[in-house]
Amino acid sequence: MKIIPSEKLELTTSLSMAELEGHLRENIQKHRSYSIGSIKKSNKYFVGTVFPDHFKCKKFTYQRNSFLPQVTGIFQEEPKGTKIVITLKVDSFVSIFLILFYAFIICALFAFVYLVSYQQIEPYYILVPIALLLLVFGIPHLGFHLEKESTITELKKILTV
């Protein structure tokens, strides 16, 4: 199992790279600063940028969600269309936070093992950092998995026309 949640998938479409780029530009809204009064309702499901050979986007939402998949797609020309290699991962800030938090919990686990071994405290205290580690490991994976399914469904609708 992965420490940081991520997913990789490949889609094949009959569109050429230029047609695919144009189609994505129609369906992906550009990034805007979200100041008061600047948020407008849009029928576009994603927000991001499209380049000639790849795209980067995430699901459009009005609230904050740390587990929204950050989508990166790379176009590869094929004889009968285009293959798109898509990577879904959590935001880099969330990844760094999770790694630091895992490190902190592991250090706490070693401290509790030391205390149980040499200071003669009750052994069940070790369960506290283990439970915290499982909780901090489970919540991001669950949140990412729930958001990933809807993101992949919408991406398939857009990319396979």
N, C-alpha and C. Protein backbone atom coordinates (compact mmCIF):
# COMPACT_ATOMS: atom_id res chain seq x y z
N MET A 1 0.84 -1.18 0.00
CA MET A 1 0.00 0.00 0.00
C MET A 1 0.88 1.25 0.00
N LYS A 2 0.44 2.27 -0.72
CA LYS A 2 1.20 3.50 -0.85
C LYS A 2 1.02 4.37 0.40
N ILE A 3 2.09 5.03 0.78
CA ILE A 3 2.03 5.94 1.92
C ILE A 3 1.24 7.18 1.55
N ILE A 4 1.52 7.74 0.38
CA ILE A 4 0.80 8.90 -0.14
C ILE A 4 -0.13 8.41 -1.25
N PRO A 5 -1.43 8.68 -1.18
CA PRO A 5 -2.36 8.17 -2.18
C PRO A 5 -2.11 8.76 -3.56
N SER A 6 -2.13 7.89 -4.57
CA SER A 6 -1.99 8.32 -5.96
C SER A 6 -2.54 7.21 -6.85
N GLU A 7 -2.76 7.56 -8.11
CA GLU A 7 -3.32 6.61 -9.07
C GLU A 7 -2.80 6.97 -10.45
N LYS A 8 -2.58 5.97 -11.27
CA LYS A 8 -2.13 6.19 -12.65
C LYS A 8 -3.03 5.38 -13.57
N LEU A 9 -3.48 5.99 -14.67
CA LEU A 9 -4.28 5.26 -15.64
C LEU A 9 -4.00 5.77 -17.04
N GLU A 10 -4.37 4.96 -18.02
CA GLU A 10 -4.16 5.31 -19.42
C GLU A 10 -5.50 5.24 -20.15
N LEU A 11 -5.77 6.25 -20.96
CA LEU A 11 -6.96 6.28 -21.79
C LEU A 11 -6.53 6.44 -23.24
N THR A 12 -7.29 5.86 -24.15
CA THR A 12 -7.02 6.02 -25.57
C THR A 12 -8.25 6.65 -26.20
N THR A 13 -8.02 7.65 -27.04
CA THR A 13 -9.10 8.35 -27.72
C THR A 13 -8.81 8.42 -29.21
N SER A 14 -9.85 8.56 -30.00
CA SER A 14 -9.68 8.63 -31.44
C SER A 14 -9.33 10.03 -31.92
N LEU A 15 -9.32 11.01 -31.03
CA LEU A 15 -8.99 12.39 -31.39
C LEU A 15 -7.49 12.55 -31.60
N SER A 16 -7.12 13.48 -32.48
CA SER A 16 -5.70 13.82 -32.63
C SER A 16 -5.28 14.69 -31.45
N MET A 17 -3.99 14.95 -31.33
CA MET A 17 -3.51 15.75 -30.21
C MET A 17 -4.06 17.17 -30.27
N ALA A 18 -4.14 17.76 -31.45
CA ALA A 18 -4.66 19.12 -31.59
C ALA A 18 -6.15 19.17 -31.25
N GLU A 19 -6.93 18.19 -31.71
CA GLU A 19 -8.35 18.15 -31.40
C GLU A 19 -8.56 17.95 -29.89
N LEU A 20 -7.74 17.10 -29.31
CA LEU A 20 -7.84 16.82 -27.88
C LEU A 20 -7.52 18.08 -27.07
N GLU A 21 -6.50 18.79 -27.48
CA GLU A 21 -6.13 20.03 -26.80
C GLU A 21 -7.28 21.03 -26.87
N GLY A 22 -7.87 21.19 -28.05
CA GLY A 22 -9.00 22.10 -28.19
C GLY A 22 -10.20 21.69 -27.37
N HIS A 23 -10.49 20.41 -27.35
CA HIS A 23 -11.62 19.90 -26.58
C HIS A 23 -11.39 20.11 -25.08
N LEU A 24 -10.17 19.90 -24.62
CA LEU A 24 -9.86 20.13 -23.21
C LEU A 24 -9.96 21.61 -22.85
N ARG A 25 -9.52 22.48 -23.74
CA ARG A 25 -9.62 23.93 -23.48
C ARG A 25 -11.09 24.36 -23.32
N GLU A 26 -11.99 23.70 -24.04
CA GLU A 26 -13.42 24.00 -23.90
C GLU A 26 -13.98 23.51 -22.58
N ASN A 27 -13.41 22.47 -22.01
CA ASN A 27 -13.97 21.83 -20.82
C ASN A 27 -13.21 22.09 -19.52
N ILE A 28 -12.08 22.78 -19.60
CA ILE A 28 -11.31 23.08 -18.40
C ILE A 28 -11.25 24.60 -18.24
N GLN A 29 -11.73 25.07 -17.12
CA GLN A 29 -11.74 26.49 -16.81
C GLN A 29 -10.36 26.92 -16.35
N LYS A 30 -9.93 28.12 -16.73
CA LYS A 30 -8.63 28.63 -16.29
C LYS A 30 -8.67 28.99 -14.81
N HIS A 31 -7.48 28.92 -14.17
CA HIS A 31 -7.36 29.31 -12.76
C HIS A 31 -7.68 30.79 -12.62
N ARG A 32 -8.39 31.10 -11.56
CA ARG A 32 -8.67 32.49 -11.22
C ARG A 32 -8.44 32.66 -9.74
N SER A 33 -8.13 33.90 -9.34
CA SER A 33 -8.04 34.15 -7.91
C SER A 33 -9.45 34.22 -7.36
N TYR A 34 -9.65 33.65 -6.22
CA TYR A 34 -10.98 33.56 -5.64
C TYR A 34 -11.19 34.66 -4.60
N SER A 35 -11.38 35.87 -5.07
CA SER A 35 -11.70 36.95 -4.15
C SER A 35 -13.22 37.09 -4.07
N ILE A 36 -13.68 37.87 -3.15
CA ILE A 36 -15.12 38.01 -2.94
C ILE A 36 -15.75 38.60 -4.20
N GLY A 37 -16.78 37.96 -4.67
CA GLY A 37 -17.50 38.44 -5.84
C GLY A 37 -16.93 37.96 -7.16
N SER A 38 -15.78 37.28 -7.17
CA SER A 38 -15.19 36.85 -8.44
C SER A 38 -15.60 35.43 -8.83
N ILE A 39 -16.24 34.71 -7.92
CA ILE A 39 -16.63 33.34 -8.21
C ILE A 39 -17.93 33.37 -9.02
N LYS A 40 -17.86 32.83 -10.21
CA LYS A 40 -19.04 32.76 -11.07
C LYS A 40 -19.39 31.31 -11.29
N LYS A 41 -20.67 31.05 -11.39
CA LYS A 41 -21.11 29.69 -11.68
C LYS A 41 -20.63 29.31 -13.07
N SER A 42 -20.16 28.09 -13.19
CA SER A 42 -19.67 27.60 -14.47
C SER A 42 -20.14 26.17 -14.65
N ASN A 43 -20.31 25.77 -15.89
CA ASN A 43 -20.70 24.39 -16.15
C ASN A 43 -19.48 23.51 -16.38
N LYS A 44 -18.31 24.06 -16.19
CA LYS A 44 -17.07 23.29 -16.37
C LYS A 44 -16.74 22.57 -15.07
N TYR A 45 -16.37 21.30 -15.21
CA TYR A 45 -16.14 20.44 -14.05
C TYR A 45 -14.72 20.57 -13.50
N PHE A 46 -13.78 21.01 -14.34
CA PHE A 46 -12.37 21.10 -13.93
C PHE A 46 -11.85 22.52 -14.06
N VAL A 47 -10.83 22.81 -13.27
CA VAL A 47 -10.11 24.08 -13.35
C VAL A 47 -8.63 23.74 -13.49
N GLY A 48 -7.94 24.41 -14.41
CA GLY A 48 -6.53 24.11 -14.64
C GLY A 48 -6.03 24.76 -15.91
N THR A 49 -4.96 24.18 -16.46
CA THR A 49 -4.36 24.71 -17.69
C THR A 49 -4.11 23.57 -18.66
N VAL A 50 -4.17 23.91 -19.95
CA VAL A 50 -3.95 22.95 -21.02
C VAL A 50 -2.77 23.44 -21.86
N PHE A 51 -1.83 22.55 -22.12
CA PHE A 51 -0.66 22.84 -22.93
C PHE A 51 -0.73 21.98 -24.20
N PRO A 52 0.12 22.24 -25.20
CA PRO A 52 0.04 21.45 -26.44
C PRO A 52 0.25 19.94 -26.26
N ASP A 53 1.04 19.52 -25.28
CA ASP A 53 1.31 18.09 -25.13
C ASP A 53 0.89 17.51 -23.77
N HIS A 54 0.32 18.33 -22.91
CA HIS A 54 -0.14 17.83 -21.62
C HIS A 54 -1.14 18.81 -20.99
N PHE A 55 -1.73 18.40 -19.88
CA PHE A 55 -2.64 19.27 -19.14
C PHE A 55 -2.51 19.00 -17.65
N LYS A 56 -2.88 20.01 -16.86
CA LYS A 56 -2.91 19.89 -15.40
C LYS A 56 -4.21 20.50 -14.93
N CYS A 57 -4.94 19.78 -14.09
CA CYS A 57 -6.21 20.30 -13.61
C CYS A 57 -6.60 19.62 -12.30
N LYS A 58 -7.67 20.12 -11.72
CA LYS A 58 -8.30 19.50 -10.56
C LYS A 58 -9.78 19.79 -10.64
N LYS A 59 -10.56 19.06 -9.88
CA LYS A 59 -12.00 19.23 -9.89
C LYS A 59 -12.34 20.60 -9.32
N PHE A 60 -13.30 21.28 -9.95
CA PHE A 60 -13.72 22.60 -9.50
C PHE A 60 -14.66 22.45 -8.32
N THR A 61 -14.38 23.18 -7.24
CA THR A 61 -15.22 23.16 -6.05
C THR A 61 -15.17 24.52 -5.39
N TYR A 62 -16.23 24.87 -4.70
CA TYR A 62 -16.29 26.14 -4.00
C TYR A 62 -15.73 26.05 -2.59
N GLN A 63 -15.61 24.88 -2.05
CA GLN A 63 -15.06 24.71 -0.71
C GLN A 63 -13.66 24.10 -0.80
N ARG A 64 -12.97 24.08 0.29
CA ARG A 64 -11.63 23.51 0.32
C ARG A 64 -11.72 22.01 0.56
N ASN A 65 -10.88 21.26 -0.15
CA ASN A 65 -10.82 19.82 0.02
C ASN A 65 -9.38 19.40 -0.25
N SER A 66 -8.68 19.02 0.78
CA SER A 66 -7.26 18.67 0.65
C SER A 66 -7.04 17.39 -0.12
N PHE A 67 -8.06 16.56 -0.26
CA PHE A 67 -7.88 15.27 -0.89
C PHE A 67 -8.34 15.24 -2.34
N LEU A 68 -8.64 16.40 -2.93
CA LEU A 68 -8.98 16.44 -4.35
C LEU A 68 -7.78 15.98 -5.17
N PRO A 69 -7.98 15.07 -6.10
CA PRO A 69 -6.86 14.64 -6.92
C PRO A 69 -6.37 15.75 -7.85
N GLN A 70 -5.07 15.93 -7.88
CA GLN A 70 -4.44 16.83 -8.84
C GLN A 70 -4.16 15.98 -10.07
N VAL A 71 -4.76 16.32 -11.19
CA VAL A 71 -4.71 15.51 -12.40
C VAL A 71 -3.65 16.06 -13.34
N THR A 72 -2.75 15.20 -13.81
CA THR A 72 -1.76 15.55 -14.81
C THR A 72 -1.88 14.53 -15.94
N GLY A 73 -2.07 15.02 -17.15
CA GLY A 73 -2.21 14.14 -18.30
C GLY A 73 -1.19 14.46 -19.36
N ILE A 74 -0.58 13.43 -19.92
CA ILE A 74 0.42 13.59 -20.98
C ILE A 74 -0.11 12.91 -22.23
N PHE A 75 -0.07 13.62 -23.36
CA PHE A 75 -0.56 13.08 -24.63
C PHE A 75 0.56 12.36 -25.36
N GLN A 76 0.24 11.19 -25.91
CA GLN A 76 1.19 10.43 -26.72
C GLN A 76 0.49 10.05 -28.02
N GLU A 77 1.05 10.50 -29.13
CA GLU A 77 0.47 10.23 -30.45
C GLU A 77 0.54 8.75 -30.77
N GLU A 78 -0.54 8.19 -31.29
CA GLU A 78 -0.60 6.80 -31.71
C GLU A 78 -1.17 6.74 -33.12
N PRO A 79 -1.02 5.60 -33.82
CA PRO A 79 -1.52 5.51 -35.19
C PRO A 79 -3.01 5.80 -35.34
N LYS A 80 -3.82 5.38 -34.38
CA LYS A 80 -5.27 5.57 -34.50
C LYS A 80 -5.81 6.52 -33.44
N GLY A 81 -5.10 7.58 -33.14
CA GLY A 81 -5.58 8.55 -32.17
C GLY A 81 -4.49 8.98 -31.20
N THR A 82 -4.88 9.13 -29.96
CA THR A 82 -3.97 9.63 -28.94
C THR A 82 -4.14 8.82 -27.66
N LYS A 83 -3.02 8.48 -27.05
CA LYS A 83 -3.04 7.83 -25.73
C LYS A 83 -2.75 8.90 -24.70
N ILE A 84 -3.52 8.89 -23.63
CA ILE A 84 -3.36 9.87 -22.56
C ILE A 84 -2.96 9.14 -21.29
N VAL A 85 -1.80 9.46 -20.77
CA VAL A 85 -1.32 8.88 -19.51
C VAL A 85 -1.68 9.88 -18.41
N ILE A 86 -2.55 9.45 -17.50
CA ILE A 86 -3.09 10.34 -16.47
C ILE A 86 -2.57 9.92 -15.11
N THR A 87 -2.09 10.90 -14.35
CA THR A 87 -1.63 10.68 -12.99
C THR A 87 -2.51 11.50 -12.06
N LEU A 88 -3.07 10.84 -11.06
CA LEU A 88 -3.86 11.52 -10.04
C LEU A 88 -3.10 11.41 -8.73
N LYS A 89 -2.90 12.53 -8.05
CA LYS A 89 -2.21 12.52 -6.76
C LYS A 89 -2.74 13.67 -5.91
N VAL A 90 -2.46 13.62 -4.63
CA VAL A 90 -2.87 14.71 -3.75
C VAL A 90 -1.91 15.88 -3.94
N ASP A 91 -2.33 17.04 -3.48
CA ASP A 91 -1.52 18.24 -3.60
C ASP A 91 -0.16 18.05 -2.91
N SER A 92 0.88 18.70 -3.41
CA SER A 92 2.22 18.52 -2.86
C SER A 92 2.31 19.00 -1.41
N PHE A 93 1.57 20.05 -1.05
CA PHE A 93 1.58 20.51 0.34
C PHE A 93 1.02 19.43 1.27
N VAL A 94 -0.04 18.76 0.85
CA VAL A 94 -0.64 17.69 1.65
C VAL A 94 0.34 16.52 1.76
N SER A 95 1.03 16.21 0.67
CA SER A 95 2.03 15.12 0.69
C SER A 95 3.14 15.41 1.70
N ILE A 96 3.65 16.63 1.68
CA ILE A 96 4.72 17.00 2.61
C ILE A 96 4.21 16.96 4.05
N PHE A 97 2.99 17.47 4.27
CA PHE A 97 2.41 17.44 5.61
C PHE A 97 2.26 16.01 6.11
N LEU A 98 1.76 15.12 5.25
CA LEU A 98 1.57 13.72 5.65
C LEU A 98 2.90 13.06 5.99
N ILE A 99 3.93 13.28 5.18
CA ILE A 99 5.24 12.68 5.45
C ILE A 99 5.79 13.16 6.78
N LEU A 100 5.69 14.47 7.04
CA LEU A 100 6.18 15.00 8.32
C LEU A 100 5.36 14.45 9.49
N PHE A 101 4.06 14.33 9.31
CA PHE A 101 3.23 13.81 10.38
C PHE A 101 3.52 12.33 10.64
N TYR A 102 3.73 11.55 9.57
CA TYR A 102 4.11 10.15 9.75
C TYR A 102 5.44 10.05 10.51
N ALA A 103 6.39 10.90 10.17
CA ALA A 103 7.68 10.88 10.85
C ALA A 103 7.52 11.21 12.33
N PHE A 104 6.68 12.20 12.64
CA PHE A 104 6.44 12.57 14.03
C PHE A 104 5.81 11.41 14.80
N ILE A 105 4.84 10.75 14.21
CA ILE A 105 4.16 9.64 14.89
C ILE A 105 5.11 8.46 15.08
N ILE A 106 5.97 8.19 14.11
CA ILE A 106 6.94 7.09 14.25
C ILE A 106 7.94 7.41 15.36
N CYS A 107 8.37 8.67 15.45
CA CYS A 107 9.26 9.05 16.56
C CYS A 107 8.55 8.87 17.90
N ALA A 108 7.28 9.23 17.96
CA ALA A 108 6.50 9.04 19.19
C ALA A 108 6.38 7.55 19.51
N LEU A 109 6.21 6.72 18.49
CA LEU A 109 6.12 5.28 18.70
C LEU A 109 7.42 4.74 19.30
N PHE A 110 8.56 5.18 18.76
CA PHE A 110 9.86 4.76 19.32
C PHE A 110 10.01 5.24 20.76
N ALA A 111 9.54 6.45 21.06
CA ALA A 111 9.62 6.97 22.43
C ALA A 111 8.79 6.11 23.37
N PHE A 112 7.59 5.71 22.93
CA PHE A 112 6.75 4.86 23.76
C PHE A 112 7.37 3.48 23.94
N VAL A 113 7.99 2.94 22.90
CA VAL A 113 8.66 1.65 23.04
C VAL A 113 9.79 1.75 24.07
N TYR A 114 10.54 2.85 24.02
CA TYR A 114 11.61 3.07 25.00
C TYR A 114 11.03 3.16 26.41
N LEU A 115 9.93 3.93 26.54
CA LEU A 115 9.33 4.09 27.87
C LEU A 115 8.80 2.76 28.42
N VAL A 116 8.22 1.95 27.57
CA VAL A 116 7.72 0.65 28.01
C VAL A 116 8.89 -0.26 28.38
N SER A 117 9.97 -0.21 27.59
CA SER A 117 11.11 -1.10 27.82
C SER A 117 11.92 -0.73 29.05
N TYR A 118 12.22 0.56 29.21
CA TYR A 118 13.16 0.96 30.25
C TYR A 118 12.55 1.73 31.42
N GLN A 119 11.42 2.35 31.23
CA GLN A 119 10.82 3.13 32.30
C GLN A 119 9.64 2.41 32.96
N GLN A 120 9.33 1.22 32.49
CA GLN A 120 8.32 0.35 33.08
C GLN A 120 6.91 0.99 33.14
N ILE A 121 6.51 1.68 32.07
CA ILE A 121 5.13 2.14 32.01
C ILE A 121 4.27 1.02 31.42
N GLU A 122 2.99 1.18 31.48
CA GLU A 122 2.08 0.15 31.00
C GLU A 122 2.22 -0.05 29.48
N PRO A 123 2.28 -1.30 29.02
CA PRO A 123 2.49 -1.57 27.59
C PRO A 123 1.35 -1.09 26.68
N TYR A 124 0.15 -0.97 27.20
CA TYR A 124 -0.95 -0.57 26.32
C TYR A 124 -0.83 0.88 25.86
N TYR A 125 0.07 1.67 26.43
CA TYR A 125 0.29 3.05 25.96
C TYR A 125 0.84 3.07 24.53
N ILE A 126 1.45 1.98 24.10
CA ILE A 126 1.98 1.90 22.72
C ILE A 126 0.84 1.95 21.70
N LEU A 127 -0.34 1.56 22.12
CA LEU A 127 -1.48 1.57 21.20
C LEU A 127 -1.88 2.98 20.76
N VAL A 128 -1.55 3.99 21.55
CA VAL A 128 -1.93 5.36 21.20
C VAL A 128 -1.24 5.80 19.90
N PRO A 129 0.09 5.74 19.77
CA PRO A 129 0.68 6.16 18.49
C PRO A 129 0.34 5.23 17.33
N ILE A 130 0.12 3.94 17.63
CA ILE A 130 -0.27 3.01 16.56
C ILE A 130 -1.65 3.37 16.03
N ALA A 131 -2.59 3.67 16.92
CA ALA A 131 -3.93 4.06 16.50
C ALA A 131 -3.89 5.38 15.73
N LEU A 132 -3.08 6.31 16.18
CA LEU A 132 -2.95 7.59 15.49
C LEU A 132 -2.34 7.41 14.11
N LEU A 133 -1.36 6.54 14.00
CA LEU A 133 -0.74 6.26 12.71
C LEU A 133 -1.75 5.65 11.74
N LEU A 134 -2.55 4.70 12.22
CA LEU A 134 -3.58 4.10 11.37
C LEU A 134 -4.64 5.13 10.95
N LEU A 135 -5.01 6.00 11.86
CA LEU A 135 -6.00 7.03 11.56
C LEU A 135 -5.48 8.02 10.53
N VAL A 136 -4.26 8.49 10.72
CA VAL A 136 -3.66 9.46 9.78
C VAL A 136 -3.35 8.80 8.44
N PHE A 137 -3.15 7.50 8.44
CA PHE A 137 -2.93 6.78 7.19
C PHE A 137 -4.26 6.54 6.47
N GLY A 138 -5.32 6.27 7.21
CA GLY A 138 -6.60 5.90 6.61
C GLY A 138 -7.41 7.07 6.06
N ILE A 139 -7.43 8.18 6.77
CA ILE A 139 -8.26 9.31 6.35
C ILE A 139 -7.86 9.86 4.98
N PRO A 140 -6.58 10.14 4.70
CA PRO A 140 -6.24 10.62 3.36
C PRO A 140 -6.55 9.62 2.25
N HIS A 141 -6.32 8.33 2.51
CA HIS A 141 -6.62 7.32 1.49
C HIS A 141 -8.12 7.23 1.22
N LEU A 142 -8.92 7.30 2.26
CA LEU A 142 -10.37 7.25 2.08
C LEU A 142 -10.87 8.49 1.34
N GLY A 143 -10.42 9.67 1.77
CA GLY A 143 -10.83 10.91 1.10
C GLY A 143 -10.41 10.96 -0.36
N PHE A 144 -9.17 10.54 -0.63
CA PHE A 144 -8.68 10.53 -2.01
C PHE A 144 -9.46 9.54 -2.86
N HIS A 145 -9.73 8.36 -2.32
CA HIS A 145 -10.45 7.33 -3.07
C HIS A 145 -11.87 7.79 -3.43
N LEU A 146 -12.55 8.44 -2.49
CA LEU A 146 -13.90 8.92 -2.76
C LEU A 146 -13.90 9.99 -3.86
N GLU A 147 -12.96 10.90 -3.82
CA GLU A 147 -12.88 11.96 -4.83
C GLU A 147 -12.35 11.43 -6.17
N LYS A 148 -11.49 10.43 -6.11
CA LYS A 148 -10.87 9.88 -7.32
C LYS A 148 -11.91 9.29 -8.25
N GLU A 149 -12.88 8.58 -7.71
CA GLU A 149 -13.88 7.91 -8.55
C GLU A 149 -14.67 8.91 -9.39
N SER A 150 -15.13 9.99 -8.77
CA SER A 150 -15.90 10.98 -9.53
C SER A 150 -15.03 11.72 -10.52
N THR A 151 -13.78 11.97 -10.17
CA THR A 151 -12.86 12.65 -11.08
C THR A 151 -12.57 11.80 -12.31
N ILE A 152 -12.32 10.52 -12.12
CA ILE A 152 -12.05 9.62 -13.25
C ILE A 152 -13.27 9.52 -14.16
N THR A 153 -14.46 9.43 -13.58
CA THR A 153 -15.68 9.35 -14.37
C THR A 153 -15.84 10.58 -15.26
N GLU A 154 -15.65 11.77 -14.69
CA GLU A 154 -15.78 12.99 -15.48
C GLU A 154 -14.67 13.12 -16.52
N LEU A 155 -13.44 12.69 -16.18
CA LEU A 155 -12.35 12.73 -17.16
C LEU A 155 -12.65 11.83 -18.35
N LYS A 156 -13.19 10.66 -18.09
CA LYS A 156 -13.52 9.75 -19.18
C LYS A 156 -14.59 10.35 -20.08
N LYS A 157 -15.57 11.05 -19.50
CA LYS A 157 -16.59 11.69 -20.31
C LYS A 157 -15.98 12.74 -21.23
N ILE A 158 -15.06 13.51 -20.70
CA ILE A 158 -14.45 14.60 -21.48
C ILE A 158 -13.49 14.06 -22.53
N LEU A 159 -12.67 13.08 -22.16
CA LEU A 159 -11.58 12.66 -23.05
C LEU A 159 -11.99 11.65 -24.11
N THR A 160 -13.05 10.91 -23.91
CA THR A 160 -13.41 9.90 -24.90
C THR A 160 -14.52 10.37 -25.85
N VAL A 161 -14.99 11.56 -25.68
CA VAL A 161 -16.01 12.22 -26.52
C VAL A 161 -16.97 11.23 -27.13
